Amino acid sequence: MIEELEWTAARPEVLARGVKIDVPQSVRNWVAKEPKPGNPSLEKAVKETGDPHLKHLLEWSRAVNRSVEEIVHNVPPFPHVRLCLEK
């Protein structure tokens, strides 16, 4: 996720529009230290820290999950996905 935001921030279209994309340090720290990043561990971090950036990330993640549930139906797993992930 962080790498994606950094790539987006460096795109000519984004730079031309003067849009500044920052990844908060608390998000960087959480991603760096969390061995199993996901909503359960993010929920725990939000409860422990009250960090507004982590809270925003959790809200965004939940919204993405809701969108996927609404949009994606009857899509089987990609063939050979397990093998690809293992490699």
PDB file of N, CA and C in Angstrom:
ATOM      1  N   MET A   1       0.813  -1.178   0.000  1.00  0.00           N
ATOM      2  CA  MET A   1       0.000   0.000   0.000  1.00  0.00           C
ATOM      3  C   MET A   1       0.869   1.259   0.000  1.00  0.00           C
ATOM      4  N   ILE A   2       1.872   1.294   0.824  1.00  0.00           N
ATOM      5  CA  ILE A   2       2.727   2.477   0.901  1.00  0.00           C
ATOM      6  C   ILE A   2       3.439   2.701  -0.426  1.00  0.00           C
ATOM      7  N   GLU A   3       3.955   1.627  -0.977  1.00  0.00           N
ATOM      8  CA  GLU A   3       4.662   1.722  -2.253  1.00  0.00           C
ATOM      9  C   GLU A   3       3.721   2.230  -3.353  1.00  0.00           C
ATOM     10  N   GLU A   4       2.501   1.758  -3.330  1.00  0.00           N
ATOM     11  CA  GLU A   4       1.501   2.202  -4.300  1.00  0.00           C
ATOM     12  C   GLU A   4       1.259   3.707  -4.199  1.00  0.00           C
ATOM     13  N   LEU A   5       1.115   4.196  -2.988  1.00  0.00           N
ATOM     14  CA  LEU A   5       0.897   5.626  -2.783  1.00  0.00           C
ATOM     15  C   LEU A   5       2.109   6.439  -3.232  1.00  0.00           C
ATOM     16  N   GLU A   6       3.295   5.931  -2.967  1.00  0.00           N
ATOM     17  CA  GLU A   6       4.505   6.633  -3.392  1.00  0.00           C
ATOM     18  C   GLU A   6       4.605   6.688  -4.914  1.00  0.00           C
ATOM     19  N   TRP A   7       4.263   5.577  -5.582  1.00  0.00           N
ATOM     20  CA  TRP A   7       4.275   5.567  -7.054  1.00  0.00           C
ATOM     21  C   TRP A   7       3.241   6.547  -7.603  1.00  0.00           C
ATOM     22  N   THR A   8       2.062   6.552  -6.998  1.00  0.00           N
ATOM     23  CA  THR A   8       1.012   7.475  -7.439  1.00  0.00           C
ATOM     24  C   THR A   8       1.466   8.918  -7.257  1.00  0.00           C
ATOM     25  N   ALA A   9       2.092   9.211  -6.138  1.00  0.00           N
ATOM     26  CA  ALA A   9       2.558  10.573  -5.867  1.00  0.00           C
ATOM     27  C   ALA A   9       3.592  11.045  -6.880  1.00  0.00           C
ATOM     28  N   ALA A  10       4.343  10.105  -7.454  1.00  0.00           N
ATOM     29  CA  ALA A  10       5.399  10.465  -8.401  1.00  0.00           C
ATOM     30  C   ALA A  10       4.903  10.539  -9.847  1.00  0.00           C
ATOM     31  N   ARG A  11       3.664  10.191 -10.096  1.00  0.00           N
ATOM     32  CA  ARG A  11       3.146  10.216 -11.472  1.00  0.00           C
ATOM     33  C   ARG A  11       3.073  11.653 -11.991  1.00  0.00           C
ATOM     34  N   PRO A  12       3.410  11.850 -13.251  1.00  0.00           N
ATOM     35  CA  PRO A  12       3.395  13.199 -13.824  1.00  0.00           C
ATOM     36  C   PRO A  12       2.033  13.892 -13.705  1.00  0.00           C
ATOM     37  N   GLU A  13       0.946  13.129 -13.867  1.00  0.00           N
ATOM     38  CA  GLU A  13      -0.385  13.722 -13.780  1.00  0.00           C
ATOM     39  C   GLU A  13      -0.669  14.267 -12.381  1.00  0.00           C
ATOM     40  N   VAL A  14      -0.223  13.532 -11.403  1.00  0.00           N
ATOM     41  CA  VAL A  14      -0.430  13.947 -10.012  1.00  0.00           C
ATOM     42  C   VAL A  14       0.431  15.165  -9.705  1.00  0.00           C
ATOM     43  N   LEU A  15       1.679  15.121 -10.127  1.00  0.00           N
ATOM     44  CA  LEU A  15       2.588  16.250  -9.911  1.00  0.00           C
ATOM     45  C   LEU A  15       2.082  17.500 -10.620  1.00  0.00           C
ATOM     46  N   ALA A  16       1.579  17.340 -11.842  1.00  0.00           N
ATOM     47  CA  ALA A  16       1.093  18.484 -12.615  1.00  0.00           C
ATOM     48  C   ALA A  16      -0.095  19.167 -11.941  1.00  0.00           C
ATOM     49  N   ARG A  17      -0.875  18.396 -11.223  1.00  0.00           N
ATOM     50  CA  ARG A  17      -2.037  18.966 -10.537  1.00  0.00           C
ATOM     51  C   ARG A  17      -1.697  19.512  -9.157  1.00  0.00           C
ATOM     52  N   GLY A  18      -0.469  19.311  -8.740  1.00  0.00           N
ATOM     53  CA  GLY A  18      -0.050  19.831  -7.446  1.00  0.00           C
ATOM     54  C   GLY A  18      -0.609  19.064  -6.263  1.00  0.00           C
ATOM     55  N   VAL A  19      -1.024  17.833  -6.502  1.00  0.00           N
ATOM     56  CA  VAL A  19      -1.566  17.009  -5.418  1.00  0.00           C
ATOM     57  C   VAL A  19      -0.412  16.436  -4.615  1.00  0.00           C
ATOM     58  N   LYS A  20      -0.493  16.577  -3.307  1.00  0.00           N
ATOM     59  CA  LYS A  20       0.546  16.036  -2.439  1.00  0.00           C
ATOM     60  C   LYS A  20      -0.025  14.832  -1.700  1.00  0.00           C
ATOM     61  N   ILE A  21       0.632  13.693  -1.862  1.00  0.00           N
ATOM     62  CA  ILE A  21       0.193  12.466  -1.196  1.00  0.00           C
ATOM     63  C   ILE A  21       1.226  12.122  -0.134  1.00  0.00           C
ATOM     64  N   ASP A  22       0.792  12.173   1.095  1.00  0.00           N
ATOM     65  CA  ASP A  22       1.672  11.838   2.211  1.00  0.00           C
ATOM     66  C   ASP A  22       1.207  10.533   2.852  1.00  0.00           C
ATOM     67  N   VAL A  23       2.163   9.722   3.228  1.00  0.00           N
ATOM     68  CA  VAL A  23       1.864   8.528   4.009  1.00  0.00           C
ATOM     69  C   VAL A  23       2.285   8.852   5.438  1.00  0.00           C
ATOM     70  N   PRO A  24       1.330   8.934   6.347  1.00  0.00           N
ATOM     71  CA  PRO A  24       1.669   9.282   7.730  1.00  0.00           C
ATOM     72  C   PRO A  24       2.689   8.319   8.334  1.00  0.00           C
ATOM     73  N   GLN A  25       3.552   8.853   9.164  1.00  0.00           N
ATOM     74  CA  GLN A  25       4.595   8.033   9.787  1.00  0.00           C
ATOM     75  C   GLN A  25       4.001   6.914  10.631  1.00  0.00           C
ATOM     76  N   SER A  26       2.873   7.172  11.272  1.00  0.00           N
ATOM     77  CA  SER A  26       2.266   6.115  12.094  1.00  0.00           C
ATOM     78  C   SER A  26       1.828   4.932  11.230  1.00  0.00           C
ATOM     79  N   VAL A  27       1.394   5.194  10.018  1.00  0.00           N
ATOM     80  CA  VAL A  27       1.018   4.109   9.104  1.00  0.00           C
ATOM     81  C   VAL A  27       2.266   3.358   8.662  1.00  0.00           C
ATOM     82  N   ARG A  28       3.314   4.104   8.319  1.00  0.00           N
ATOM     83  CA  ARG A  28       4.580   3.463   7.938  1.00  0.00           C
ATOM     84  C   ARG A  28       5.096   2.576   9.072  1.00  0.00           C
ATOM     85  N   ASN A  29       5.043   3.087  10.289  1.00  0.00           N
ATOM     86  CA  ASN A  29       5.532   2.329  11.444  1.00  0.00           C
ATOM     87  C   ASN A  29       4.719   1.053  11.658  1.00  0.00           C
ATOM     88  N   TRP A  30       3.391   1.168  11.544  1.00  0.00           N
ATOM     89  CA  TRP A  30       2.539   0.006  11.752  1.00  0.00           C
ATOM     90  C   TRP A  30       2.818  -1.062  10.701  1.00  0.00           C
ATOM     91  N   VAL A  31       2.927  -0.668   9.436  1.00  0.00           N
ATOM     92  CA  VAL A  31       3.198  -1.633   8.365  1.00  0.00           C
ATOM     93  C   VAL A  31       4.557  -2.288   8.570  1.00  0.00           C
ATOM     94  N   ALA A  32       5.542  -1.513   8.999  1.00  0.00           N
ATOM     95  CA  ALA A  32       6.896  -2.045   9.181  1.00  0.00           C
ATOM     96  C   ALA A  32       6.980  -3.052  10.323  1.00  0.00           C
ATOM     97  N   LYS A  33       6.243  -2.829  11.385  1.00  0.00           N
ATOM     98  CA  LYS A  33       6.378  -3.704  12.557  1.00  0.00           C
ATOM     99  C   LYS A  33       5.353  -4.826  12.618  1.00  0.00           C
ATOM    100  N   GLU A  34       4.267  -4.716  11.870  1.00  0.00           N
ATOM    101  CA  GLU A  34       3.194  -5.694  11.980  1.00  0.00           C
ATOM    102  C   GLU A  34       3.469  -6.912  11.099  1.00  0.00           C
ATOM    103  N   PRO A  35       3.673  -8.089  11.711  1.00  0.00           N
ATOM    104  CA  PRO A  35       3.979  -9.272  10.902  1.00  0.00           C
ATOM    105  C   PRO A  35       2.778  -9.784  10.099  1.00  0.00           C
ATOM    106  N   LYS A  36       1.564  -9.514  10.574  1.00  0.00           N
ATOM    107  CA  LYS A  36       0.356  -9.958   9.867  1.00  0.00           C
ATOM    108  C   LYS A  36      -0.592  -8.771   9.690  1.00  0.00           C
ATOM    109  N   PRO A  37      -0.241  -7.844   8.789  1.00  0.00           N
ATOM    110  CA  PRO A  37      -1.116  -6.685   8.618  1.00  0.00           C
ATOM    111  C   PRO A  37      -2.484  -7.107   8.080  1.00  0.00           C
ATOM    112  N   GLY A  38      -3.496  -6.603   8.695  1.00  0.00           N
ATOM    113  CA  GLY A  38      -4.872  -6.897   8.311  1.00  0.00           C
ATOM    114  C   GLY A  38      -5.794  -6.166   9.275  1.00  0.00           C
ATOM    115  N   ASN A  39      -7.077  -6.240   9.002  1.00  0.00           N
ATOM    116  CA  ASN A  39      -8.009  -5.498   9.844  1.00  0.00           C
ATOM    117  C   ASN A  39      -7.961  -5.884  11.319  1.00  0.00           C
ATOM    118  N   PRO A  40      -7.845  -7.165  11.678  1.00  0.00           N
ATOM    119  CA  PRO A  40      -7.799  -7.477  13.107  1.00  0.00           C
ATOM    120  C   PRO A  40      -6.628  -6.804  13.836  1.00  0.00           C
ATOM    121  N   SER A  41      -5.437  -6.858  13.241  1.00  0.00           N
ATOM    122  CA  SER A  41      -4.293  -6.223  13.905  1.00  0.00           C
ATOM    123  C   SER A  41      -4.381  -4.707  13.823  1.00  0.00           C
ATOM    124  N   LEU A  42      -4.995  -4.194  12.757  1.00  0.00           N
ATOM    125  CA  LEU A  42      -5.177  -2.746  12.648  1.00  0.00           C
ATOM    126  C   LEU A  42      -6.193  -2.258  13.670  1.00  0.00           C
ATOM    127  N   GLU A  43      -7.271  -3.012  13.876  1.00  0.00           N
ATOM    128  CA  GLU A  43      -8.254  -2.662  14.900  1.00  0.00           C
ATOM    129  C   GLU A  43      -7.588  -2.592  16.274  1.00  0.00           C
ATOM    130  N   LYS A  44      -6.730  -3.557  16.553  1.00  0.00           N
ATOM    131  CA  LYS A  44      -6.015  -3.579  17.829  1.00  0.00           C
ATOM    132  C   LYS A  44      -5.128  -2.349  17.976  1.00  0.00           C
ATOM    133  N   ALA A  45      -4.412  -1.995  16.919  1.00  0.00           N
ATOM    134  CA  ALA A  45      -3.530  -0.831  16.966  1.00  0.00           C
ATOM    135  C   ALA A  45      -4.322   0.459  17.171  1.00  0.00           C
ATOM    136  N   VAL A  46      -5.481   0.560  16.536  1.00  0.00           N
ATOM    137  CA  VAL A  46      -6.326   1.753  16.710  1.00  0.00           C
ATOM    138  C   VAL A  46      -6.797   1.850  18.152  1.00  0.00           C
ATOM    139  N   LYS A  47      -7.218   0.715  18.718  1.00  0.00           N
ATOM    140  CA  LYS A  47      -7.676   0.718  20.114  1.00  0.00           C
ATOM    141  C   LYS A  47      -6.550   1.080  21.075  1.00  0.00           C
ATOM    142  N   GLU A  48      -5.360   0.563  20.801  1.00  0.00           N
ATOM    143  CA  GLU A  48      -4.222   0.808  21.697  1.00  0.00           C
ATOM    144  C   GLU A  48      -3.697   2.234  21.589  1.00  0.00           C
ATOM    145  N   THR A  49      -3.695   2.798  20.388  1.00  0.00           N
ATOM    146  CA  THR A  49      -3.046   4.094  20.183  1.00  0.00           C
ATOM    147  C   THR A  49      -4.006   5.257  20.014  1.00  0.00           C
ATOM    148  N   GLY A  50      -5.192   4.985  19.478  1.00  0.00           N
ATOM    149  CA  GLY A  50      -6.118   6.068  19.167  1.00  0.00           C
ATOM    150  C   GLY A  50      -5.632   6.931  18.014  1.00  0.00           C
ATOM    151  N   ASP A  51      -4.640   6.450  17.282  1.00  0.00           N
ATOM    152  CA  ASP A  51      -4.035   7.226  16.202  1.00  0.00           C
ATOM    153  C   ASP A  51      -5.069   7.511  15.105  1.00  0.00           C
ATOM    154  N   PRO A  52      -5.273   8.788  14.754  1.00  0.00           N
ATOM    155  CA  PRO A  52      -6.290   9.123  13.748  1.00  0.00           C
ATOM    156  C   PRO A  52      -5.943   8.609  12.343  1.00  0.00           C
ATOM    157  N   HIS A  53      -4.658   8.506  12.041  1.00  0.00           N
ATOM    158  CA  HIS A  53      -4.266   8.015  10.715  1.00  0.00           C
ATOM    159  C   HIS A  53      -4.532   6.512  10.591  1.00  0.00           C
ATOM    160  N   LEU A  54      -4.258   5.781  11.651  1.00  0.00           N
ATOM    161  CA  LEU A  54      -4.568   4.348  11.637  1.00  0.00           C
ATOM    162  C   LEU A  54      -6.074   4.138  11.598  1.00  0.00           C
ATOM    163  N   LYS A  55      -6.813   4.968  12.291  1.00  0.00           N
ATOM    164  CA  LYS A  55      -8.273   4.878  12.275  1.00  0.00           C
ATOM    165  C   LYS A  55      -8.799   5.129  10.861  1.00  0.00           C
ATOM    166  N   HIS A  56      -8.248   6.122  10.201  1.00  0.00           N
ATOM    167  CA  HIS A  56      -8.654   6.434   8.829  1.00  0.00           C
ATOM    168  C   HIS A  56      -8.339   5.249   7.902  1.00  0.00           C
ATOM    169  N   LEU A  57      -7.170   4.646   8.083  1.00  0.00           N
ATOM    170  CA  LEU A  57      -6.780   3.485   7.291  1.00  0.00           C
ATOM    171  C   LEU A  57      -7.756   2.331   7.511  1.00  0.00           C
ATOM    172  N   LEU A  58      -8.152   2.108   8.738  1.00  0.00           N
ATOM    173  CA  LEU A  58      -9.104   1.040   9.055  1.00  0.00           C
ATOM    174  C   LEU A  58     -10.459   1.321   8.405  1.00  0.00           C
ATOM    175  N   GLU A  59     -10.923   2.555   8.472  1.00  0.00           N
ATOM    176  CA  GLU A  59     -12.198   2.917   7.845  1.00  0.00           C
ATOM    177  C   GLU A  59     -12.134   2.692   6.340  1.00  0.00           C
ATOM    178  N   TRP A  60     -11.013   3.081   5.736  1.00  0.00           N
ATOM    179  CA  TRP A  60     -10.824   2.888   4.297  1.00  0.00           C
ATOM    180  C   TRP A  60     -10.840   1.392   3.966  1.00  0.00           C
ATOM    181  N   SER A  61     -10.131   0.595   4.744  1.00  0.00           N
ATOM    182  CA  SER A  61     -10.059  -0.835   4.507  1.00  0.00           C
ATOM    183  C   SER A  61     -11.439  -1.483   4.597  1.00  0.00           C
ATOM    184  N   ARG A  62     -12.207  -1.090   5.584  1.00  0.00           N
ATOM    185  CA  ARG A  62     -13.555  -1.627   5.723  1.00  0.00           C
ATOM    186  C   ARG A  62     -14.432  -1.222   4.537  1.00  0.00           C
ATOM    187  N   ALA A  63     -14.290   0.010   4.080  1.00  0.00           N
ATOM    188  CA  ALA A  63     -15.068   0.481   2.924  1.00  0.00           C
ATOM    189  C   ALA A  63     -14.708  -0.303   1.667  1.00  0.00           C
ATOM    190  N   VAL A  64     -13.421  -0.596   1.495  1.00  0.00           N
ATOM    191  CA  VAL A  64     -12.996  -1.406   0.347  1.00  0.00           C
ATOM    192  C   VAL A  64     -13.616  -2.798   0.440  1.00  0.00           C
ATOM    193  N   ASN A  65     -13.570  -3.393   1.608  1.00  0.00           N
ATOM    194  CA  ASN A  65     -14.155  -4.727   1.788  1.00  0.00           C
ATOM    195  C   ASN A  65     -15.650  -4.722   1.472  1.00  0.00           C
ATOM    196  N   ARG A  66     -16.361  -3.679   1.926  1.00  0.00           N
ATOM    197  CA  ARG A  66     -17.795  -3.587   1.629  1.00  0.00           C
ATOM    198  C   ARG A  66     -18.023  -3.464   0.124  1.00  0.00           C
ATOM    199  N   SER A  67     -17.216  -2.659  -0.534  1.00  0.00           N
ATOM    200  CA  SER A  67     -17.355  -2.491  -1.988  1.00  0.00           C
ATOM    201  C   SER A  67     -17.127  -3.799  -2.720  1.00  0.00           C
ATOM    202  N   VAL A  68     -16.120  -4.539  -2.309  1.00  0.00           N
ATOM    203  CA  VAL A  68     -15.833  -5.828  -2.948  1.00  0.00           C
ATOM    204  C   VAL A  68     -17.010  -6.778  -2.753  1.00  0.00           C
ATOM    205  N   GLU A  69     -17.564  -6.806  -1.548  1.00  0.00           N
ATOM    206  CA  GLU A  69     -18.715  -7.679  -1.284  1.00  0.00           C
ATOM    207  C   GLU A  69     -19.909  -7.308  -2.162  1.00  0.00           C
ATOM    208  N   GLU A  70     -20.094  -6.022  -2.418  1.00  0.00           N
ATOM    209  CA  GLU A  70     -21.222  -5.564  -3.230  1.00  0.00           C
ATOM    210  C   GLU A  70     -21.003  -5.811  -4.719  1.00  0.00           C
ATOM    211  N   ILE A  71     -19.770  -5.749  -5.154  1.00  0.00           N
ATOM    212  CA  ILE A  71     -19.471  -5.784  -6.585  1.00  0.00           C
ATOM    213  C   ILE A  71     -19.143  -7.182  -7.092  1.00  0.00           C
ATOM    214  N   VAL A  72     -18.392  -7.933  -6.328  1.00  0.00           N
ATOM    215  CA  VAL A  72     -17.859  -9.205  -6.809  1.00  0.00           C
ATOM    216  C   VAL A  72     -18.788 -10.353  -6.409  1.00  0.00           C
ATOM    217  N   HIS A  73     -19.270 -11.054  -7.421  1.00  0.00           N
ATOM    218  CA  HIS A  73     -20.144 -12.199  -7.187  1.00  0.00           C
ATOM    219  C   HIS A  73     -19.748 -13.329  -8.138  1.00  0.00           C
ATOM    220  N   ASN A  74     -19.748 -14.541  -7.617  1.00  0.00           N
ATOM    221  CA  ASN A  74     -19.508 -15.742  -8.437  1.00  0.00           C
ATOM    222  C   ASN A  74     -18.191 -15.696  -9.205  1.00  0.00           C
ATOM    223  N   VAL A  75     -17.160 -15.190  -8.576  1.00  0.00           N
ATOM    224  CA  VAL A  75     -15.842 -15.168  -9.205  1.00  0.00           C
ATOM    225  C   VAL A  75     -14.984 -16.211  -8.488  1.00  0.00           C
ATOM    226  N   PRO A  76     -14.642 -17.275  -9.192  1.00  0.00           N
ATOM    227  CA  PRO A  76     -13.817 -18.305  -8.555  1.00  0.00           C
ATOM    228  C   PRO A  76     -12.378 -17.825  -8.395  1.00  0.00           C
ATOM    229  N   PRO A  77     -11.606 -18.481  -7.551  1.00  0.00           N
ATOM    230  CA  PRO A  77     -10.187 -18.123  -7.411  1.00  0.00           C
ATOM    231  C   PRO A  77      -9.469 -18.278  -8.745  1.00  0.00           C
ATOM    232  N   PHE A  78      -8.433 -17.498  -8.930  1.00  0.00           N
ATOM    233  CA  PHE A  78      -7.651 -17.612 -10.154  1.00  0.00           C
ATOM    234  C   PHE A  78      -6.957 -18.969 -10.187  1.00  0.00           C
ATOM    235  N   PRO A  79      -6.871 -19.580 -11.375  1.00  0.00           N
ATOM    236  CA  PRO A  79      -6.167 -20.857 -11.462  1.00  0.00           C
ATOM    237  C   PRO A  79      -4.708 -20.697 -11.031  1.00  0.00           C
ATOM    238  N   HIS A  80      -4.210 -21.640 -10.309  1.00  0.00           N
ATOM    239  CA  HIS A  80      -2.800 -21.700  -9.894  1.00  0.00           C
ATOM    240  C   HIS A  80      -2.381 -20.562  -8.960  1.00  0.00           C
ATOM    241  N   VAL A  81      -3.326 -19.879  -8.324  1.00  0.00           N
ATOM    242  CA  VAL A  81      -2.967 -18.757  -7.470  1.00  0.00           C
ATOM    243  C   VAL A  81      -2.101 -19.208  -6.298  1.00  0.00           C
ATOM    244  N   ARG A  82      -2.394 -20.353  -5.705  1.00  0.00           N
ATOM    245  CA  ARG A  82      -1.597 -20.837  -4.577  1.00  0.00           C
ATOM    246  C   ARG A  82      -0.143 -21.037  -4.990  1.00  0.00           C
ATOM    247  N   LEU A  83       0.064 -21.684  -6.132  1.00  0.00           N
ATOM    248  CA  LEU A  83       1.411 -21.931  -6.633  1.00  0.00           C
ATOM    249  C   LEU A  83       2.145 -20.608  -6.869  1.00  0.00           C
ATOM    250  N   CYS A  84       1.481 -19.646  -7.456  1.00  0.00           N
ATOM    251  CA  CYS A  84       2.090 -18.341  -7.731  1.00  0.00           C
ATOM    252  C   CYS A  84       2.481 -17.628  -6.435  1.00  0.00           C
ATOM    253  N   LEU A  85       1.595 -17.669  -5.456  1.00  0.00           N
ATOM    254  CA  LEU A  85       1.891 -17.008  -4.183  1.00  0.00           C
ATOM    255  C   LEU A  85       3.041 -17.690  -3.457  1.00  0.00           C
ATOM    256  N   GLU A  86       3.091 -19.011  -3.554  1.00  0.00           N
ATOM    257  CA  GLU A  86       4.193 -19.730  -2.909  1.00  0.00           C
ATOM    258  C   GLU A  86       5.531 -19.392  -3.543  1.00  0.00           C
ATOM    259  N   LYS A  87       5.539 -19.179  -4.859  1.00  0.00           N
ATOM    260  CA  LYS A  87       6.798 -18.847  -5.545  1.00  0.00           C
ATOM    261  C   LYS A  87       7.204 -17.441  -5.196  1.00  0.00           C
TER     262      LYS A  87
END
